[in-house]
Amino acid sequence: MRQKEIGQENQQKAKFLVNALKDRIAAASQQQQQQEQQQQQQLQQEQQQLQQEQHEKRLQQHADTQQETQQQQQQQQRHSQQQQQQEPQQQQEEKEQQQQQQQQQQGDDEDEEMACSP
């Protein structure tokens, strides 16, 4: 009879230990899941931050490129304006030079005529 009671007690202790182990395993598993979730959340946050930084860099590069393009266009416009301003000046100088040459030629022709006439 006493052995039967001892057997039942041992069985109850064993059940209790098994249940306690199950609880510990479940708690450890839950803790591990929470840690994994936290790590995943942290990784997601880091990934989002990186994506945001990359997006901002792309926007900045785009803005820089636009600004550079605008500056180049402005330089080209200034250069073409300078050329347009210089061209009439060059044309004017060429005209004046041609006029001087024509006047000189006329003067030379007149000198020749005077020299030839008795």
PDB file of N, CA and C in Angstrom:
ATOM      1  N   MET A   1       0.825  -1.182   0.000  1.00  0.00           N
ATOM      2  CA  MET A   1       0.000   0.000   0.000  1.00  0.00           C
ATOM      3  C   MET A   1       0.870   1.245   0.000  1.00  0.00           C
ATOM      4  N   ARG A   2       1.865   1.225   0.822  1.00  0.00           N
ATOM      5  CA  ARG A   2       2.758   2.370   0.916  1.00  0.00           C
ATOM      6  C   ARG A   2       3.489   2.557  -0.405  1.00  0.00           C
ATOM      7  N   GLN A   3       3.838   1.458  -1.047  1.00  0.00           N
ATOM      8  CA  GLN A   3       4.524   1.550  -2.331  1.00  0.00           C
ATOM      9  C   GLN A   3       3.621   2.190  -3.376  1.00  0.00           C
ATOM     10  N   LYS A   4       2.338   1.885  -3.298  1.00  0.00           N
ATOM     11  CA  LYS A   4       1.376   2.453  -4.223  1.00  0.00           C
ATOM     12  C   LYS A   4       1.323   3.963  -4.036  1.00  0.00           C
ATOM     13  N   GLU A   5       1.298   4.413  -2.780  1.00  0.00           N
ATOM     14  CA  GLU A   5       1.268   5.848  -2.490  1.00  0.00           C
ATOM     15  C   GLU A   5       2.550   6.523  -2.985  1.00  0.00           C
ATOM     16  N   ILE A   6       3.660   5.845  -2.745  1.00  0.00           N
ATOM     17  CA  ILE A   6       4.951   6.397  -3.196  1.00  0.00           C
ATOM     18  C   ILE A   6       4.962   6.480  -4.723  1.00  0.00           C
ATOM     19  N   GLY A   7       4.454   5.496  -5.353  1.00  0.00           N
ATOM     20  CA  GLY A   7       4.378   5.479  -6.821  1.00  0.00           C
ATOM     21  C   GLY A   7       3.529   6.627  -7.333  1.00  0.00           C
ATOM     22  N   GLN A   8       2.377   6.847  -6.663  1.00  0.00           N
ATOM     23  CA  GLN A   8       1.495   7.947  -7.073  1.00  0.00           C
ATOM     24  C   GLN A   8       2.166   9.301  -6.832  1.00  0.00           C
ATOM     25  N   GLU A   9       2.832   9.418  -5.698  1.00  0.00           N
ATOM     26  CA  GLU A   9       3.546  10.666  -5.395  1.00  0.00           C
ATOM     27  C   GLU A   9       4.624  10.930  -6.441  1.00  0.00           C
ATOM     28  N   ASN A  10       5.355   9.872  -6.762  1.00  0.00           N
ATOM     29  CA  ASN A  10       6.417  10.015  -7.779  1.00  0.00           C
ATOM     30  C   ASN A  10       5.824  10.403  -9.133  1.00  0.00           C
ATOM     31  N   GLN A  11       4.693   9.815  -9.420  1.00  0.00           N
ATOM     32  CA  GLN A  11       4.026  10.131 -10.679  1.00  0.00           C
ATOM     33  C   GLN A  11       3.591  11.600 -10.703  1.00  0.00           C
ATOM     34  N   GLN A  12       3.037  12.052  -9.574  1.00  0.00           N
ATOM     35  CA  GLN A  12       2.617  13.456  -9.483  1.00  0.00           C
ATOM     36  C   GLN A  12       3.822  14.393  -9.577  1.00  0.00           C
ATOM     37  N   LYS A  13       4.913  14.005  -8.879  1.00  0.00           N
ATOM     38  CA  LYS A  13       6.134  14.821  -8.957  1.00  0.00           C
ATOM     39  C   LYS A  13       6.640  14.871 -10.395  1.00  0.00           C
ATOM     40  N   ALA A  14       6.608  13.739 -11.054  1.00  0.00           N
ATOM     41  CA  ALA A  14       7.086  13.669 -12.438  1.00  0.00           C
ATOM     42  C   ALA A  14       6.225  14.562 -13.334  1.00  0.00           C
ATOM     43  N   LYS A  15       4.893  14.471 -13.152  1.00  0.00           N
ATOM     44  CA  LYS A  15       3.992  15.322 -13.935  1.00  0.00           C
ATOM     45  C   LYS A  15       4.288  16.796 -13.669  1.00  0.00           C
ATOM     46  N   PHE A  16       4.467  17.091 -12.376  1.00  0.00           N
ATOM     47  CA  PHE A  16       4.765  18.470 -11.990  1.00  0.00           C
ATOM     48  C   PHE A  16       6.055  18.944 -12.651  1.00  0.00           C
ATOM     49  N   LEU A  17       7.100  18.085 -12.593  1.00  0.00           N
ATOM     50  CA  LEU A  17       8.388  18.444 -13.206  1.00  0.00           C
ATOM     51  C   LEU A  17       8.247  18.605 -14.717  1.00  0.00           C
ATOM     52  N   VAL A  18       7.496  17.695 -15.326  1.00  0.00           N
ATOM     53  CA  VAL A  18       7.294  17.778 -16.779  1.00  0.00           C
ATOM     54  C   VAL A  18       6.579  19.079 -17.128  1.00  0.00           C
ATOM     55  N   ASN A  19       5.525  19.395 -16.366  1.00  0.00           N
ATOM     56  CA  ASN A  19       4.792  20.646 -16.618  1.00  0.00           C
ATOM     57  C   ASN A  19       5.685  21.871 -16.391  1.00  0.00           C
ATOM     58  N   ALA A  20       6.494  21.812 -15.318  1.00  0.00           N
ATOM     59  CA  ALA A  20       7.410  22.929 -15.042  1.00  0.00           C
ATOM     60  C   ALA A  20       8.403  23.094 -16.188  1.00  0.00           C
ATOM     61  N   LEU A  21       8.931  21.966 -16.685  1.00  0.00           N
ATOM     62  CA  LEU A  21       9.864  22.021 -17.820  1.00  0.00           C
ATOM     63  C   LEU A  21       9.174  22.589 -19.063  1.00  0.00           C
ATOM     64  N   LYS A  22       7.936  22.132 -19.299  1.00  0.00           N
ATOM     65  CA  LYS A  22       7.184  22.645 -20.452  1.00  0.00           C
ATOM     66  C   LYS A  22       7.004  24.159 -20.337  1.00  0.00           C
ATOM     67  N   ASP A  23       6.657  24.613 -19.117  1.00  0.00           N
ATOM     68  CA  ASP A  23       6.482  26.054 -18.899  1.00  0.00           C
ATOM     69  C   ASP A  23       7.782  26.815 -19.165  1.00  0.00           C
ATOM     70  N   ARG A  24       8.893  26.243 -18.649  1.00  0.00           N
ATOM     71  CA  ARG A  24      10.196  26.898 -18.860  1.00  0.00           C
ATOM     72  C   ARG A  24      10.545  26.950 -20.344  1.00  0.00           C
ATOM     73  N   ILE A  25      10.309  25.841 -21.030  1.00  0.00           N
ATOM     74  CA  ILE A  25      10.603  25.793 -22.468  1.00  0.00           C
ATOM     75  C   ILE A  25       9.742  26.818 -23.207  1.00  0.00           C
ATOM     76  N   ALA A  26       8.450  26.862 -22.844  1.00  0.00           N
ATOM     77  CA  ALA A  26       7.538  27.820 -23.489  1.00  0.00           C
ATOM     78  C   ALA A  26       7.994  29.253 -23.221  1.00  0.00           C
ATOM     79  N   ALA A  27       8.374  29.532 -21.983  1.00  0.00           N
ATOM     80  CA  ALA A  27       8.825  30.882 -21.625  1.00  0.00           C
ATOM     81  C   ALA A  27      10.098  31.237 -22.390  1.00  0.00           C
ATOM     82  N   ALA A  28      11.031  30.285 -22.440  1.00  0.00           N
ATOM     83  CA  ALA A  28      12.283  30.528 -23.161  1.00  0.00           C
ATOM     84  C   ALA A  28      12.002  30.732 -24.647  1.00  0.00           C
ATOM     85  N   SER A  29      11.103  29.921 -25.177  1.00  0.00           N
ATOM     86  CA  SER A  29      10.748  30.041 -26.587  1.00  0.00           C
ATOM     87  C   SER A  29      10.099  31.396 -26.864  1.00  0.00           C
ATOM     88  N   GLN A  30       9.201  31.798 -25.963  1.00  0.00           N
ATOM     89  CA  GLN A  30       8.535  33.092 -26.115  1.00  0.00           C
ATOM     90  C   GLN A  30       9.555  34.233 -26.037  1.00  0.00           C
ATOM     91  N   GLN A  31      10.490  34.106 -25.106  1.00  0.00           N
ATOM     92  CA  GLN A  31      11.526  35.133 -24.959  1.00  0.00           C
ATOM     93  C   GLN A  31      12.378  35.198 -26.226  1.00  0.00           C
ATOM     94  N   GLN A  32      12.708  34.019 -26.751  1.00  0.00           N
ATOM     95  CA  GLN A  32      13.515  33.971 -27.968  1.00  0.00           C
ATOM     96  C   GLN A  32      12.742  34.602 -29.132  1.00  0.00           C
ATOM     97  N   GLN A  33      11.450  34.309 -29.221  1.00  0.00           N
ATOM     98  CA  GLN A  33      10.633  34.901 -30.281  1.00  0.00           C
ATOM     99  C   GLN A  33      10.594  36.418 -30.153  1.00  0.00           C
ATOM    100  N   GLN A  34      10.449  36.891 -28.919  1.00  0.00           N
ATOM    101  CA  GLN A  34      10.427  38.341 -28.703  1.00  0.00           C
ATOM    102  C   GLN A  34      11.749  38.977 -29.124  1.00  0.00           C
ATOM    103  N   GLN A  35      12.859  38.314 -28.765  1.00  0.00           N
ATOM    104  CA  GLN A  35      14.173  38.841 -29.149  1.00  0.00           C
ATOM    105  C   GLN A  35      14.311  38.873 -30.673  1.00  0.00           C
ATOM    106  N   GLU A  36      13.851  37.784 -31.312  1.00  0.00           N
ATOM    107  CA  GLU A  36      13.935  37.733 -32.772  1.00  0.00           C
ATOM    108  C   GLU A  36      13.070  38.825 -33.400  1.00  0.00           C
ATOM    109  N   GLN A  37      11.891  39.042 -32.837  1.00  0.00           N
ATOM    110  CA  GLN A  37      11.023  40.105 -33.345  1.00  0.00           C
ATOM    111  C   GLN A  37      11.679  41.472 -33.178  1.00  0.00           C
ATOM    112  N   GLN A  38      12.300  41.678 -32.015  1.00  0.00           N
ATOM    113  CA  GLN A  38      12.984  42.952 -31.780  1.00  0.00           C
ATOM    114  C   GLN A  38      14.124  43.143 -32.777  1.00  0.00           C
ATOM    115  N   GLN A  39      14.871  42.050 -33.010  1.00  0.00           N
ATOM    116  CA  GLN A  39      15.974  42.139 -33.974  1.00  0.00           C
ATOM    117  C   GLN A  39      15.438  42.449 -35.371  1.00  0.00           C
ATOM    118  N   GLN A  40      14.336  41.780 -35.734  1.00  0.00           N
ATOM    119  CA  GLN A  40      13.743  42.041 -37.048  1.00  0.00           C
ATOM    120  C   GLN A  40      13.269  43.486 -37.155  1.00  0.00           C
ATOM    121  N   GLN A  41      12.636  43.971 -36.096  1.00  0.00           N
ATOM    122  CA  GLN A  41      12.178  45.364 -36.106  1.00  0.00           C
ATOM    123  C   GLN A  41      13.359  46.323 -36.236  1.00  0.00           C
ATOM    124  N   GLN A  42      14.424  46.009 -35.506  1.00  0.00           N
ATOM    125  CA  GLN A  42      15.616  46.859 -35.565  1.00  0.00           C
ATOM    126  C   GLN A  42      16.198  46.846 -36.984  1.00  0.00           C
ATOM    127  N   LEU A  43      16.267  45.645 -37.573  1.00  0.00           N
ATOM    128  CA  LEU A  43      16.777  45.543 -38.941  1.00  0.00           C
ATOM    129  C   LEU A  43      15.889  46.316 -39.916  1.00  0.00           C
ATOM    130  N   GLN A  44      14.583  46.206 -39.729  1.00  0.00           N
ATOM    131  CA  GLN A  44      13.663  46.937 -40.600  1.00  0.00           C
ATOM    132  C   GLN A  44      13.853  48.444 -40.456  1.00  0.00           C
ATOM    133  N   GLN A  45      14.030  48.896 -39.223  1.00  0.00           N
ATOM    134  CA  GLN A  45      14.251  50.327 -38.997  1.00  0.00           C
ATOM    135  C   GLN A  45      15.546  50.787 -39.664  1.00  0.00           C
ATOM    136  N   GLU A  46      16.599  49.977 -39.514  1.00  0.00           N
ATOM    137  CA  GLU A  46      17.876  50.330 -40.139  1.00  0.00           C
ATOM    138  C   GLU A  46      17.730  50.362 -41.656  1.00  0.00           C
ATOM    139  N   GLN A  47      16.988  49.382 -42.179  1.00  0.00           N
ATOM    140  CA  GLN A  47      16.773  49.315 -43.618  1.00  0.00           C
ATOM    141  C   GLN A  47      15.993  50.543 -44.101  1.00  0.00           C
ATOM    142  N   GLN A  48      14.956  50.909 -43.362  1.00  0.00           N
ATOM    143  CA  GLN A  48      14.176  52.090 -43.722  1.00  0.00           C
ATOM    144  C   GLN A  48      15.038  53.348 -43.669  1.00  0.00           C
ATOM    145  N   GLN A  49      15.887  53.420 -42.651  1.00  0.00           N
ATOM    146  CA  GLN A  49      16.770  54.578 -42.518  1.00  0.00           C
ATOM    147  C   GLN A  49      17.731  54.651 -43.709  1.00  0.00           C
ATOM    148  N   LEU A  50      18.290  53.494 -44.078  1.00  0.00           N
ATOM    149  CA  LEU A  50      19.190  53.459 -45.235  1.00  0.00           C
ATOM    150  C   LEU A  50      18.458  53.878 -46.506  1.00  0.00           C
ATOM    151  N   GLN A  51      17.245  53.360 -46.682  1.00  0.00           N
ATOM    152  CA  GLN A  51      16.465  53.722 -47.861  1.00  0.00           C
ATOM    153  C   GLN A  51      16.181  55.218 -47.883  1.00  0.00           C
ATOM    154  N   GLN A  52      15.857  55.763 -46.735  1.00  0.00           N
ATOM    155  CA  GLN A  52      15.594  57.202 -46.634  1.00  0.00           C
ATOM    156  C   GLN A  52      16.848  57.997 -46.999  1.00  0.00           C
ATOM    157  N   GLU A  53      18.000  57.561 -46.461  1.00  0.00           N
ATOM    158  CA  GLU A  53      19.261  58.254 -46.764  1.00  0.00           C
ATOM    159  C   GLU A  53      19.577  58.175 -48.254  1.00  0.00           C
ATOM    160  N   GLN A  54      19.375  56.968 -48.842  1.00  0.00           N
ATOM    161  CA  GLN A  54      19.632  56.809 -50.271  1.00  0.00           C
ATOM    162  C   GLN A  54      18.699  57.695 -51.085  1.00  0.00           C
ATOM    163  N   HIS A  55      17.449  57.757 -50.662  1.00  0.00           N
ATOM    164  CA  HIS A  55      16.471  58.594 -51.356  1.00  0.00           C
ATOM    165  C   HIS A  55      16.902  60.063 -51.295  1.00  0.00           C
ATOM    166  N   GLU A  56      17.322  60.502 -50.107  1.00  0.00           N
ATOM    167  CA  GLU A  56      17.773  61.888 -49.951  1.00  0.00           C
ATOM    168  C   GLU A  56      19.012  62.158 -50.798  1.00  0.00           C
ATOM    169  N   LYS A  57      19.929  61.173 -50.853  1.00  0.00           N
ATOM    170  CA  LYS A  57      21.130  61.344 -51.682  1.00  0.00           C
ATOM    171  C   LYS A  57      20.744  61.486 -53.148  1.00  0.00           C
ATOM    172  N   ARG A  58      19.792  60.624 -53.595  1.00  0.00           N
ATOM    173  CA  ARG A  58      19.360  60.705 -54.991  1.00  0.00           C
ATOM    174  C   ARG A  58      18.725  62.064 -55.280  1.00  0.00           C
ATOM    175  N   LEU A  59      17.903  62.534 -54.353  1.00  0.00           N
ATOM    176  CA  LEU A  59      17.288  63.853 -54.537  1.00  0.00           C
ATOM    177  C   LEU A  59      18.359  64.936 -54.616  1.00  0.00           C
ATOM    178  N   GLN A  60      19.360  64.849 -53.735  1.00  0.00           N
ATOM    179  CA  GLN A  60      20.437  65.842 -53.716  1.00  0.00           C
ATOM    180  C   GLN A  60      21.238  65.781 -55.011  1.00  0.00           C
ATOM    181  N   GLN A  61      21.532  64.538 -55.469  1.00  0.00           N
ATOM    182  CA  GLN A  61      22.278  64.395 -56.718  1.00  0.00           C
ATOM    183  C   GLN A  61      21.479  64.978 -57.878  1.00  0.00           C
ATOM    184  N   HIS A  62      20.174  64.713 -57.865  1.00  0.00           N
ATOM    185  CA  HIS A  62      19.315  65.242 -58.922  1.00  0.00           C
ATOM    186  C   HIS A  62      19.332  66.772 -58.896  1.00  0.00           C
ATOM    187  N   ALA A  63      19.219  67.325 -57.693  1.00  0.00           N
ATOM    188  CA  ALA A  63      19.245  68.787 -57.543  1.00  0.00           C
ATOM    189  C   ALA A  63      20.595  69.341 -57.999  1.00  0.00           C
ATOM    190  N   ASP A  64      21.683  68.667 -57.616  1.00  0.00           N
ATOM    191  CA  ASP A  64      23.023  69.108 -58.028  1.00  0.00           C
ATOM    192  C   ASP A  64      23.142  69.077 -59.547  1.00  0.00           C
ATOM    193  N   THR A  65      22.642  67.993 -60.146  1.00  0.00           N
ATOM    194  CA  THR A  65      22.717  67.845 -61.597  1.00  0.00           C
ATOM    195  C   THR A  65      21.923  68.950 -62.278  1.00  0.00           C
ATOM    196  N   GLN A  66      20.736  69.218 -61.762  1.00  0.00           N
ATOM    197  CA  GLN A  66      19.924  70.294 -62.333  1.00  0.00           C
ATOM    198  C   GLN A  66      20.639  71.635 -62.218  1.00  0.00           C
ATOM    199  N   GLN A  67      21.213  71.884 -61.054  1.00  0.00           N
ATOM    200  CA  GLN A  67      21.910  73.151 -60.835  1.00  0.00           C
ATOM    201  C   GLN A  67      23.103  73.261 -61.784  1.00  0.00           C
ATOM    202  N   GLU A  68      23.831  72.152 -61.932  1.00  0.00           N
ATOM    203  CA  GLU A  68      24.991  72.149 -62.822  1.00  0.00           C
ATOM    204  C   GLU A  68      24.550  72.414 -64.259  1.00  0.00           C
ATOM    205  N   THR A  69      23.453  71.763 -64.659  1.00  0.00           N
ATOM    206  CA  THR A  69      22.929  71.954 -66.007  1.00  0.00           C
ATOM    207  C   THR A  69      22.519  73.407 -66.214  1.00  0.00           C
ATOM    208  N   GLN A  70      21.851  73.979 -65.221  1.00  0.00           N
ATOM    209  CA  GLN A  70      21.444  75.379 -65.322  1.00  0.00           C
ATOM    210  C   GLN A  70      22.661  76.295 -65.429  1.00  0.00           C
ATOM    211  N   GLN A  71      23.683  75.999 -64.630  1.00  0.00           N
ATOM    212  CA  GLN A  71      24.892  76.826 -64.677  1.00  0.00           C
ATOM    213  C   GLN A  71      25.544  76.731 -66.053  1.00  0.00           C
ATOM    214  N   GLN A  72      25.591  75.500 -66.600  1.00  0.00           N
ATOM    215  CA  GLN A  72      26.184  75.330 -67.925  1.00  0.00           C
ATOM    216  C   GLN A  72      25.379  76.098 -68.970  1.00  0.00           C
ATOM    217  N   GLN A  73      24.049  76.015 -68.857  1.00  0.00           N
ATOM    218  CA  GLN A  73      23.206  76.739 -69.803  1.00  0.00           C
ATOM    219  C   GLN A  73      23.430  78.241 -69.683  1.00  0.00           C
ATOM    220  N   GLN A  74      23.531  78.721 -68.447  1.00  0.00           N
ATOM    221  CA  GLN A  74      23.766  80.154 -68.244  1.00  0.00           C
ATOM    222  C   GLN A  74      25.114  80.564 -68.828  1.00  0.00           C
ATOM    223  N   GLN A  75      26.127  79.715 -68.617  1.00  0.00           N
ATOM    224  CA  GLN A  75      27.450  80.028 -69.171  1.00  0.00           C
ATOM    225  C   GLN A  75      27.387  80.059 -70.694  1.00  0.00           C
ATOM    226  N   GLN A  76      26.666  79.078 -71.269  1.00  0.00           N
ATOM    227  CA  GLN A  76      26.537  79.046 -72.723  1.00  0.00           C
ATOM    228  C   GLN A  76      25.801  80.285 -73.217  1.00  0.00           C
ATOM    229  N   GLN A  77      24.754  80.682 -72.491  1.00  0.00           N
ATOM    230  CA  GLN A  77      24.017  81.884 -72.882  1.00  0.00           C
ATOM    231  C   GLN A  77      24.918  83.113 -72.813  1.00  0.00           C
ATOM    232  N   ARG A  78      25.677  83.223 -71.707  1.00  0.00           N
ATOM    233  CA  ARG A  78      26.586  84.374 -71.579  1.00  0.00           C
ATOM    234  C   ARG A  78      27.622  84.363 -72.701  1.00  0.00           C
ATOM    235  N   HIS A  79      28.135  83.168 -72.984  1.00  0.00           N
ATOM    236  CA  HIS A  79      29.152  83.046 -74.028  1.00  0.00           C
ATOM    237  C   HIS A  79      28.561  83.452 -75.380  1.00  0.00           C
ATOM    238  N   SER A  80      27.351  82.960 -75.674  1.00  0.00           N
ATOM    239  CA  SER A  80      26.745  83.295 -76.962  1.00  0.00           C
ATOM    240  C   SER A  80      26.390  84.782 -77.012  1.00  0.00           C
ATOM    241  N   GLN A  81      25.991  85.362 -75.871  1.00  0.00           N
ATOM    242  CA  GLN A  81      25.722  86.801 -75.838  1.00  0.00           C
ATOM    243  C   GLN A  81      27.005  87.584 -76.099  1.00  0.00           C
ATOM    244  N   GLN A  82      28.094  87.120 -75.492  1.00  0.00           N
ATOM    245  CA  GLN A  82      29.376  87.794 -75.714  1.00  0.00           C
ATOM    246  C   GLN A  82      29.756  87.697 -77.185  1.00  0.00           C
ATOM    247  N   GLN A  83      29.528  86.503 -77.763  1.00  0.00           N
ATOM    248  CA  GLN A  83      29.856  86.336 -79.177  1.00  0.00           C
ATOM    249  C   GLN A  83      28.998  87.265 -80.028  1.00  0.00           C
ATOM    250  N   GLN A  84      27.709  87.340 -79.677  1.00  0.00           N
ATOM    251  CA  GLN A  84      26.810  88.209 -80.435  1.00  0.00           C
ATOM    252  C   GLN A  84      27.234  89.666 -80.306  1.00  0.00           C
ATOM    253  N   GLN A  85      27.712  90.028 -79.129  1.00  0.00           N
ATOM    254  CA  GLN A  85      28.173  91.402 -78.939  1.00  0.00           C
ATOM    255  C   GLN A  85      29.487  91.633 -79.676  1.00  0.00           C
ATOM    256  N   GLN A  86      30.340  90.618 -79.703  1.00  0.00           N
ATOM    257  CA  GLN A  86      31.645  90.766 -80.339  1.00  0.00           C
ATOM    258  C   GLN A  86      31.520  90.758 -81.861  1.00  0.00           C
ATOM    259  N   GLU A  87      30.573  89.957 -82.372  1.00  0.00           N
ATOM    260  CA  GLU A  87      30.452  89.849 -83.827  1.00  0.00           C
ATOM    261  C   GLU A  87      30.162  91.197 -84.488  1.00  0.00           C
ATOM    262  N   PRO A  88      29.159  91.953 -84.004  1.00  0.00           N
ATOM    263  CA  PRO A  88      28.935  93.269 -84.632  1.00  0.00           C
ATOM    264  C   PRO A  88      30.170  94.163 -84.520  1.00  0.00           C
ATOM    265  N   GLN A  89      30.851  94.069 -83.395  1.00  0.00           N
ATOM    266  CA  GLN A  89      32.051  94.883 -83.205  1.00  0.00           C
ATOM    267  C   GLN A  89      33.113  94.464 -84.223  1.00  0.00           C
ATOM    268  N   GLN A  90      33.266  93.149 -84.410  1.00  0.00           N
ATOM    269  CA  GLN A  90      34.244  92.670 -85.387  1.00  0.00           C
ATOM    270  C   GLN A  90      33.829  93.095 -86.792  1.00  0.00           C
ATOM    271  N   GLN A  91      32.521  92.969 -87.061  1.00  0.00           N
ATOM    272  CA  GLN A  91      32.041  93.370 -88.385  1.00  0.00           C
ATOM    273  C   GLN A  91      32.296  94.860 -88.617  1.00  0.00           C
ATOM    274  N   GLN A  92      32.043  95.649 -87.593  1.00  0.00           N
ATOM    275  CA  GLN A  92      32.263  97.098 -87.690  1.00  0.00           C
ATOM    276  C   GLN A  92      33.743  97.387 -87.941  1.00  0.00           C
ATOM    277  N   GLU A  93      34.609  96.690 -87.201  1.00  0.00           N
ATOM    278  CA  GLU A  93      36.049  96.891 -87.379  1.00  0.00           C
ATOM    279  C   GLU A  93      36.470  96.488 -88.786  1.00  0.00           C
ATOM    280  N   GLU A  94      35.903  95.369 -89.279  1.00  0.00           N
ATOM    281  CA  GLU A  94      36.248  94.925 -90.632  1.00  0.00           C
ATOM    282  C   GLU A  94      35.785  95.951 -91.664  1.00  0.00           C
ATOM    283  N   LYS A  95      34.586  96.499 -91.478  1.00  0.00           N
ATOM    284  CA  LYS A  95      34.075  97.519 -92.404  1.00  0.00           C
ATOM    285  C   LYS A  95      35.000  98.729 -92.410  1.00  0.00           C
ATOM    286  N   GLU A  96      35.374  99.174 -91.211  1.00  0.00           N
ATOM    287  CA  GLU A  96      36.255 100.337 -91.116  1.00  0.00           C
ATOM    288  C   GLU A  96      37.581 100.061 -91.808  1.00  0.00           C
ATOM    289  N   GLN A  97      38.082  98.841 -91.605  1.00  0.00           N
ATOM    290  CA  GLN A  97      39.357  98.480 -92.223  1.00  0.00           C
ATOM    291  C   GLN A  97      39.209  98.473 -93.748  1.00  0.00           C
ATOM    292  N   GLN A  98      38.078  97.921 -94.233  1.00  0.00           N
ATOM    293  CA  GLN A  98      37.853  97.905 -95.681  1.00  0.00           C
ATOM    294  C   GLN A  98      37.750  99.330 -96.228  1.00  0.00           C
ATOM    295  N   GLN A  99      37.042 100.184 -95.475  1.00  0.00           N
ATOM    296  CA  GLN A  99      36.903 101.575 -95.918  1.00  0.00           C
ATOM    297  C   GLN A  99      38.270 102.258 -95.984  1.00  0.00           C
ATOM    298  N   GLN A 100      39.094 102.014 -94.973  1.00  0.00           N
ATOM    299  CA  GLN A 100      40.432 102.611 -94.974  1.00  0.00           C
ATOM    300  C   GLN A 100      41.228 102.113 -96.172  1.00  0.00           C
ATOM    301  N   GLN A 101      41.115 100.792 -96.436  1.00  0.00           N
ATOM    302  CA  GLN A 101      41.851 100.244 -97.579  1.00  0.00           C
ATOM    303  C   GLN A 101      41.342 100.855 -98.883  1.00  0.00           C
ATOM    304  N   GLN A 102      40.005 101.004 -98.990  1.00  0.00           N
ATOM    305  CA  GLN A 102      39.444 101.594-100.207  1.00  0.00           C
ATOM    306  C   GLN A 102      39.917 103.037-100.367  1.00  0.00           C
ATOM    307  N   GLN A 103      39.898 103.779 -99.264  1.00  0.00           N
ATOM    308  CA  GLN A 103      40.343 105.173 -99.329  1.00  0.00           C
ATOM    309  C   GLN A 103      41.813 105.244 -99.728  1.00  0.00           C
ATOM    310  N   GLN A 104      42.590 104.334 -99.145  1.00  0.00           N
ATOM    311  CA  GLN A 104      44.017 104.324 -99.468  1.00  0.00           C
ATOM    312  C   GLN A 104      44.208 103.970-100.944  1.00  0.00           C
ATOM    313  N   GLN A 105      43.405 102.996-101.414  1.00  0.00           N
ATOM    314  CA  GLN A 105      43.503 102.580-102.811  1.00  0.00           C
ATOM    315  C   GLN A 105      43.114 103.740-103.730  1.00  0.00           C
ATOM    316  N   GLN A 106      42.042 104.440-103.341  1.00  0.00           N
ATOM    317  CA  GLN A 106      41.622 105.594-104.142  1.00  0.00           C
ATOM    318  C   GLN A 106      42.724 106.655-104.174  1.00  0.00           C
ATOM    319  N   GLY A 107      43.309 106.861-103.007  1.00  0.00           N
ATOM    320  CA  GLY A 107      44.399 107.847-102.936  1.00  0.00           C
ATOM    321  C   GLY A 107      45.567 107.422-103.806  1.00  0.00           C
ATOM    322  N   ASP A 108      45.911 106.149-103.788  1.00  0.00           N
ATOM    323  CA  ASP A 108      47.002 105.643-104.623  1.00  0.00           C
ATOM    324  C   ASP A 108      46.657 105.811-106.092  1.00  0.00           C
ATOM    325  N   ASP A 109      45.369 105.490-106.433  1.00  0.00           N
ATOM    326  CA  ASP A 109      44.943 105.630-107.830  1.00  0.00           C
ATOM    327  C   ASP A 109      45.064 107.086-108.280  1.00  0.00           C
ATOM    328  N   GLU A 110      44.634 107.997-107.416  1.00  0.00           N
ATOM    329  CA  GLU A 110      44.712 109.425-107.751  1.00  0.00           C
ATOM    330  C   GLU A 110      46.170 109.857-107.928  1.00  0.00           C
ATOM    331  N   ASP A 111      47.028 109.343-107.053  1.00  0.00           N
ATOM    332  CA  ASP A 111      48.449 109.681-107.173  1.00  0.00           C
ATOM    333  C   ASP A 111      48.991 109.198-108.507  1.00  0.00           C
ATOM    334  N   GLU A 112      48.581 107.977-108.903  1.00  0.00           N
ATOM    335  CA  GLU A 112      49.057 107.434-110.174  1.00  0.00           C
ATOM    336  C   GLU A 112      48.562 108.281-111.334  1.00  0.00           C
ATOM    337  N   GLU A 113      47.269 108.663-111.262  1.00  0.00           N
ATOM    338  CA  GLU A 113      46.697 109.473-112.336  1.00  0.00           C
ATOM    339  C   GLU A 113      47.444 110.799-112.447  1.00  0.00           C
ATOM    340  N   MET A 114      47.742 111.393-111.313  1.00  0.00           N
ATOM    341  CA  MET A 114      48.439 112.679-111.328  1.00  0.00           C
ATOM    342  C   MET A 114      49.850 112.511-111.878  1.00  0.00           C
ATOM    343  N   ALA A 115      50.450 111.401-111.539  1.00  0.00           N
ATOM    344  CA  ALA A 115      51.809 111.179-112.009  1.00  0.00           C
ATOM    345  C   ALA A 115      51.822 110.939-113.514  1.00  0.00           C
ATOM    346  N   CYS A 116      50.782 110.294-114.024  1.00  0.00           N
ATOM    347  CA  CYS A 116      50.723 109.982-115.447  1.00  0.00           C
ATOM    348  C   CYS A 116      50.346 111.203-116.291  1.00  0.00           C
ATOM    349  N   SER A 117      49.537 112.080-115.745  1.00  0.00           N
ATOM    350  CA  SER A 117      49.068 113.218-116.545  1.00  0.00           C
ATOM    351  C   SER A 117      50.186 114.264-116.641  1.00  0.00           C
ATOM    352  N   PRO A 118      50.321 114.844-117.836  1.00  0.00           N
ATOM    353  CA  PRO A 118      51.413 115.796-118.033  1.00  0.00           C
ATOM    354  C   PRO A 118      51.209 117.145-117.359  1.00  0.00           C
TER     355      PRO A 118
END
